[in-house]
Protein backbone atom coordinates (compact mmCIF):
# COMPACT_ATOMS: atom_id res chain seq x y z
CA UNK A 1 29.95 78.90 -28.05
CA UNK A 2 29.16 76.76 -31.11
CA UNK A 3 26.05 78.77 -31.98
CA UNK A 4 27.80 82.12 -31.48
CA UNK A 5 30.82 81.15 -33.59
CA UNK A 6 28.59 79.79 -36.37
CA UNK A 7 26.71 83.10 -36.53
CA UNK A 8 29.99 85.03 -36.43
CA UNK A 9 31.48 82.98 -39.26
CA UNK A 10 28.29 83.55 -41.27
CA UNK A 11 28.49 87.31 -40.68
CA UNK A 12 32.20 87.54 -41.54
CA UNK A 13 31.61 85.33 -44.58
CA UNK A 14 29.51 88.13 -46.08
CA UNK A 15 32.50 90.49 -45.89
CA UNK A 16 35.29 88.37 -47.36
CA UNK A 17 34.31 88.01 -51.02
CA UNK A 18 37.10 90.36 -52.08
CA UNK A 19 39.81 87.89 -51.07
CA UNK A 20 39.19 86.22 -54.45
CA UNK A 21 40.22 89.45 -56.17
CA UNK A 22 43.56 90.41 -54.61
CA UNK A 23 45.21 90.25 -58.07
CA UNK A 24 42.43 92.21 -59.81
CA UNK A 25 43.93 95.63 -59.10
CA UNK A 26 41.98 96.42 -55.94
CA UNK A 27 42.58 99.62 -54.05
CA UNK A 28 45.17 98.79 -51.34
CA UNK A 29 42.74 99.91 -48.63
CA UNK A 30 40.08 97.50 -49.96
CA UNK A 31 42.64 94.71 -50.10
CA UNK A 32 43.61 95.37 -46.48
CA UNK A 33 39.97 95.39 -45.36
CA UNK A 34 39.24 92.09 -47.10
CA UNK A 35 42.45 90.61 -45.74
CA UNK A 36 41.59 91.52 -42.14
CA UNK A 37 38.04 90.19 -42.39
CA UNK A 38 39.31 86.95 -43.99
CA UNK A 39 41.91 86.36 -41.28
CA UNK A 40 39.35 87.25 -38.59
CA UNK A 41 37.37 84.13 -39.49
CA UNK A 42 40.23 82.13 -37.98
CA UNK A 43 39.17 83.36 -34.51
CA UNK A 44 35.65 81.79 -34.36
CA UNK A 45 36.94 78.79 -36.33
CA UNK A 46 39.65 78.25 -33.71
CA UNK A 47 37.04 78.59 -30.98
CA UNK A 48 35.07 75.80 -32.66
CA UNK A 49 38.13 73.55 -32.75
CA UNK A 50 38.85 74.21 -29.07
CA UNK A 51 35.22 73.46 -28.22
CA UNK A 52 35.35 70.15 -30.11
CA UNK A 53 38.60 69.15 -28.43
CA UNK A 54 37.33 70.21 -25.00
CA UNK A 55 34.21 68.10 -25.54
CA UNK A 56 36.25 64.90 -25.80
CA UNK A 57 38.99 65.90 -23.35
CA UNK A 58 39.30 63.15 -20.69
CA UNK A 59 35.97 61.72 -21.84
CA UNK A 60 37.20 58.21 -22.70
CA UNK A 61 35.44 58.18 -26.10
CA UNK A 62 34.58 54.87 -27.73
CA UNK A 63 36.29 54.79 -31.11
CA UNK A 64 33.31 53.54 -33.06
CA UNK A 65 33.00 54.39 -36.75
CA UNK A 66 30.95 57.59 -36.20
CA UNK A 67 33.48 58.82 -33.62
CA UNK A 68 36.38 58.10 -35.97
CA UNK A 69 34.76 60.11 -38.76
CA UNK A 70 34.01 62.93 -36.30
CA UNK A 71 37.68 63.03 -35.26
CA UNK A 72 38.69 62.83 -38.91
CA UNK A 73 36.47 65.83 -39.61
CA UNK A 74 38.24 67.85 -36.90
CA UNK A 75 41.64 66.80 -38.25
CA UNK A 76 40.78 67.85 -41.81
CA UNK A 77 39.16 71.07 -40.58
CA UNK A 78 42.39 72.02 -38.82
CA UNK A 79 44.68 70.99 -41.66
CA UNK A 80 42.67 72.78 -44.30
CA UNK A 81 42.06 75.82 -42.12
CA UNK A 82 45.73 76.46 -41.36
CA UNK A 83 46.36 77.58 -44.94
CA UNK A 84 43.43 80.00 -44.88
CA UNK A 85 45.28 82.89 -43.18
CA UNK A 86 48.13 82.38 -45.68
CA UNK A 87 45.84 82.92 -48.66
CA UNK A 88 44.14 85.81 -46.86
CA UNK A 89 47.29 87.95 -47.12
CA UNK A 90 47.46 89.86 -50.44
CA UNK A 91 51.25 89.75 -50.69
CA UNK A 92 51.22 85.93 -50.46
CA UNK A 93 48.05 85.46 -52.50
CA UNK A 94 49.61 87.35 -55.41
CA UNK A 95 51.89 84.36 -55.89
CA UNK A 96 49.57 81.55 -54.77
CA UNK A 97 46.42 82.82 -56.50
CA UNK A 98 44.93 80.32 -58.97
CA UNK A 99 47.51 77.65 -58.12
CA UNK A 100 47.01 74.17 -56.73
CA UNK A 101 47.73 75.57 -53.28
CA UNK A 102 44.22 77.06 -53.38
CA UNK A 103 42.79 73.73 -54.57
CA UNK A 104 44.45 71.92 -51.66
CA UNK A 105 43.17 74.43 -49.08
CA UNK A 106 39.62 74.49 -50.36
CA UNK A 107 39.20 70.75 -50.82
CA UNK A 108 40.60 69.80 -47.43
CA UNK A 109 38.38 72.13 -45.43
CA UNK A 110 35.27 72.35 -47.58
CA UNK A 111 35.13 69.08 -49.49
CA UNK A 112 36.78 66.40 -47.36
CA UNK A 113 35.92 67.83 -43.93
CA UNK A 114 32.31 68.31 -45.01
CA UNK A 115 32.08 64.81 -46.47
CA UNK A 116 33.52 63.31 -43.29
CA UNK A 117 30.79 65.07 -41.31
CA UNK A 118 28.09 63.70 -43.63
CA UNK A 119 29.47 60.16 -43.49
CA UNK A 120 29.71 60.40 -39.70
CA UNK A 121 26.02 61.32 -39.59
CA UNK A 122 25.06 58.38 -41.82
CA UNK A 123 26.87 55.85 -39.64
CA UNK A 124 25.55 57.43 -36.44
CA UNK A 125 21.90 57.75 -37.44
CA UNK A 126 21.72 54.56 -39.55
CA UNK A 127 19.84 52.71 -36.76
CA UNK A 128 17.18 55.41 -36.88
CA UNK A 129 17.16 55.80 -40.66
CA UNK A 130 17.31 52.13 -41.66
CA UNK A 131 16.65 50.26 -38.38
CA UNK A 132 20.02 48.62 -38.93
CA UNK A 133 23.50 49.30 -37.54
CA UNK A 134 26.18 49.40 -40.22
CA UNK A 135 29.12 46.99 -39.92
CA UNK A 136 31.90 48.30 -37.69
CA UNK A 137 34.80 46.42 -39.40
CA UNK A 138 33.75 47.68 -42.84
CA UNK A 139 33.13 51.12 -41.37
CA UNK A 140 36.61 51.36 -39.88
CA UNK A 141 38.16 50.11 -43.12
CA UNK A 142 36.20 52.82 -44.91
CA UNK A 143 37.44 55.48 -42.47
CA UNK A 144 41.15 54.66 -42.57
CA UNK A 145 41.21 54.22 -46.35
CA UNK A 146 39.34 57.51 -46.89
CA UNK A 147 41.50 59.44 -44.43
CA UNK A 148 44.69 58.13 -46.03
CA UNK A 149 43.36 58.86 -49.50
CA UNK A 150 42.28 62.39 -48.57
CA UNK A 151 45.63 63.41 -47.12
CA UNK A 152 47.60 61.58 -49.81
CA UNK A 153 45.63 63.39 -52.53
CA UNK A 154 45.45 66.95 -51.25
CA UNK A 155 48.56 67.51 -49.12
CA UNK A 156 50.96 67.18 -52.11
CA UNK A 157 48.92 69.82 -53.94
CA UNK A 158 50.36 72.40 -51.55
CA UNK A 159 53.84 71.66 -52.91
CA UNK A 160 52.83 71.72 -56.57
CA UNK A 161 51.06 75.01 -55.87
CA UNK A 162 54.17 76.45 -54.23
CA UNK A 163 56.06 75.39 -57.36
CA UNK A 164 53.64 77.54 -59.35
CA UNK A 165 51.44 74.90 -60.96
CA UNK A 166 48.22 76.64 -62.10
CA UNK A 167 44.80 75.09 -61.77
CA UNK A 168 42.21 74.90 -64.55
CA UNK A 169 44.76 73.42 -66.98
CA UNK A 170 44.08 69.99 -68.46
CA UNK A 171 47.79 69.45 -69.12
CA UNK A 172 51.01 71.42 -69.05
CA UNK A 173 52.93 69.50 -71.74
CA UNK A 174 53.71 71.38 -74.94
CA UNK A 175 53.90 74.82 -73.30
CA UNK A 176 57.31 76.36 -73.94
CA UNK A 177 59.20 78.50 -71.48
CA UNK A 178 61.19 78.30 -68.23
CA UNK A 179 58.02 77.91 -66.16
CA UNK A 180 57.28 74.60 -67.86
CA UNK A 181 60.78 73.37 -67.10
CA UNK A 182 60.21 74.19 -63.43
CA UNK A 183 56.85 72.43 -63.36
CA UNK A 184 58.30 69.29 -64.94
CA UNK A 185 59.96 68.64 -61.59
CA UNK A 186 56.50 68.27 -60.05
CA UNK A 187 55.50 65.40 -62.36
CA UNK A 188 56.23 62.69 -59.76
CA UNK A 189 53.94 64.49 -57.31
CA UNK A 190 51.27 64.91 -59.97
CA UNK A 191 51.35 61.17 -60.72
CA UNK A 192 51.14 60.48 -56.99
CA UNK A 193 48.10 62.78 -56.71
CA UNK A 194 46.40 60.98 -59.62
CA UNK A 195 46.96 57.54 -58.10
CA UNK A 196 45.83 58.80 -54.67
CA UNK A 197 42.66 60.30 -56.14
CA UNK A 198 41.80 56.95 -57.74
CA UNK A 199 42.51 55.26 -54.41
CA UNK A 200 40.26 57.78 -52.63
CA UNK A 201 37.38 56.92 -54.96
CA UNK A 202 37.94 53.18 -54.48
CA UNK A 203 37.99 53.73 -50.70
CA UNK A 204 34.23 54.37 -50.92
CA UNK A 205 33.58 50.80 -52.09
CA UNK A 206 33.57 49.38 -48.51
CA UNK A 207 30.93 51.97 -47.60
CA UNK A 208 28.71 50.95 -50.51
CA UNK A 209 29.17 47.26 -49.68
CA UNK A 210 28.41 48.01 -46.02
CA UNK A 211 25.25 49.89 -46.93
CA UNK A 212 23.99 47.22 -49.35
CA UNK A 213 24.70 44.29 -47.01
CA UNK A 214 23.13 46.10 -44.06
CA UNK A 215 19.96 46.95 -45.96
CA UNK A 216 19.60 43.32 -47.01
CA UNK A 217 19.65 42.15 -43.39
CA UNK A 218 16.43 41.90 -41.39
CA UNK A 219 15.59 44.98 -39.35
CA UNK A 220 17.13 45.05 -35.87
CA UNK A 221 15.35 45.67 -32.58
CA UNK A 222 18.19 47.55 -30.80
CA UNK A 223 17.12 51.19 -30.75
CA UNK A 224 20.10 52.90 -29.09
CA UNK A 225 23.38 51.16 -29.90
CA UNK A 226 25.51 54.19 -28.94
CA UNK A 227 23.85 54.71 -25.51
CA UNK A 228 23.07 58.21 -26.75
CA UNK A 229 21.19 60.61 -24.49
CA UNK A 230 19.54 63.04 -26.95
CA UNK A 231 15.85 63.04 -27.78
CA UNK A 232 15.96 61.36 -31.17
CA UNK A 233 17.05 58.16 -29.41
CA UNK A 234 14.16 58.14 -26.95
CA UNK A 235 12.02 54.99 -27.22
CA UNK A 236 9.45 55.36 -30.01
CA UNK A 237 10.52 58.95 -30.64
CA UNK A 238 10.38 58.57 -34.42
CA UNK A 239 7.61 55.98 -34.56
CA UNK A 240 5.26 56.59 -31.63
CA UNK A 241 2.67 53.95 -30.94
CA UNK A 242 -1.00 54.79 -31.61
CA UNK A 243 -2.56 57.00 -28.92
CA UNK A 244 0.86 57.50 -27.34
CA UNK A 245 2.37 60.91 -26.64
CA UNK A 246 5.81 61.83 -27.90
CA UNK A 247 8.65 61.62 -25.33
CA UNK A 248 9.16 64.67 -23.12
CA UNK A 249 12.56 66.35 -22.67
CA UNK A 250 13.21 66.88 -18.96
CA UNK A 251 16.68 68.41 -19.30
CA UNK A 252 19.11 69.91 -21.78
CA UNK A 253 21.44 67.57 -23.69
CA UNK A 254 24.76 66.76 -22.06
CA UNK A 255 23.59 67.13 -18.43
CA UNK A 256 25.48 65.06 -15.86
CA UNK A 257 23.92 62.86 -13.22
CA UNK A 258 24.18 63.70 -9.51
CA UNK A 259 27.34 61.62 -9.27
CA UNK A 260 28.94 63.67 -12.04
CA UNK A 261 30.29 60.55 -13.74
CA UNK A 262 27.81 59.99 -16.57
CA UNK A 263 25.30 61.78 -18.75
CA UNK A 264 21.58 61.52 -18.24
CA UNK A 265 19.14 60.84 -21.02
CA UNK A 266 16.92 63.81 -21.82
CA UNK A 267 13.74 61.76 -21.55
CA UNK A 268 14.43 60.25 -18.13
CA UNK A 269 13.12 61.82 -14.92
CA UNK A 270 15.82 60.10 -12.85
CA UNK A 271 18.73 62.07 -11.37
CA UNK A 272 21.11 59.11 -11.64
CA UNK A 273 21.96 56.94 -14.60
CA UNK A 274 20.21 53.60 -14.68
CA UNK A 275 19.85 51.00 -17.44
CA UNK A 276 16.13 51.78 -17.53
CA UNK A 277 16.98 55.43 -18.28
CA UNK A 278 18.51 54.41 -21.57
């Protein structure tokens, strides 16, 4: 499902470029075609979300830092994606085009969701990359501060966009007209967005401290702190000993044991989970 929806999103992504040009005087038929193809992306994207949620459904996940950032990614993907079908409709985009509503949509789903995925990968694969596990308390502080900063920064932009605030303007002061009077009412939100953006930047300080302190510690011997089952966590998979073959994958990832209660490691020949199979 994940592979098929990724390919489908890639294919539809080739066909949606016109949704940036709804106000450029397109032929109505072209606008309708681009609108349909843009809204159609919501179908494979929704299938991805359902697949992610089904993966953790009744799975008793351990809320370690990588898992928190993975869940944060899904949250931001949903929140940012909900406004996509709104902007994909020409009649609505005529008003919202080039406003902060577009900035909020794009940054939630493309910037913040993508960054959460990258940070999740760093925390998860740090034992393989650096032979050190990053601090969990600092990692969780980093997650909650970043999640709060992301939503506090970009959610209010939807309201300033609905009020008609245009993007690409350094400041709105000094512009005469009734539109400026309307936008003056958004100044409290704009100040809030500025403060939140500064907070979001400062929220990355715990991550930098965590990374520096971890790299200064001696290398650890624990090779699989997450009890992961995929091949990169097999013993000596990344640094095989001299004259030693690479580990062999005996099954696909995510295969259950005979009891149906736990996953099996890919490199184990056993049909039941044992500590040695880790």
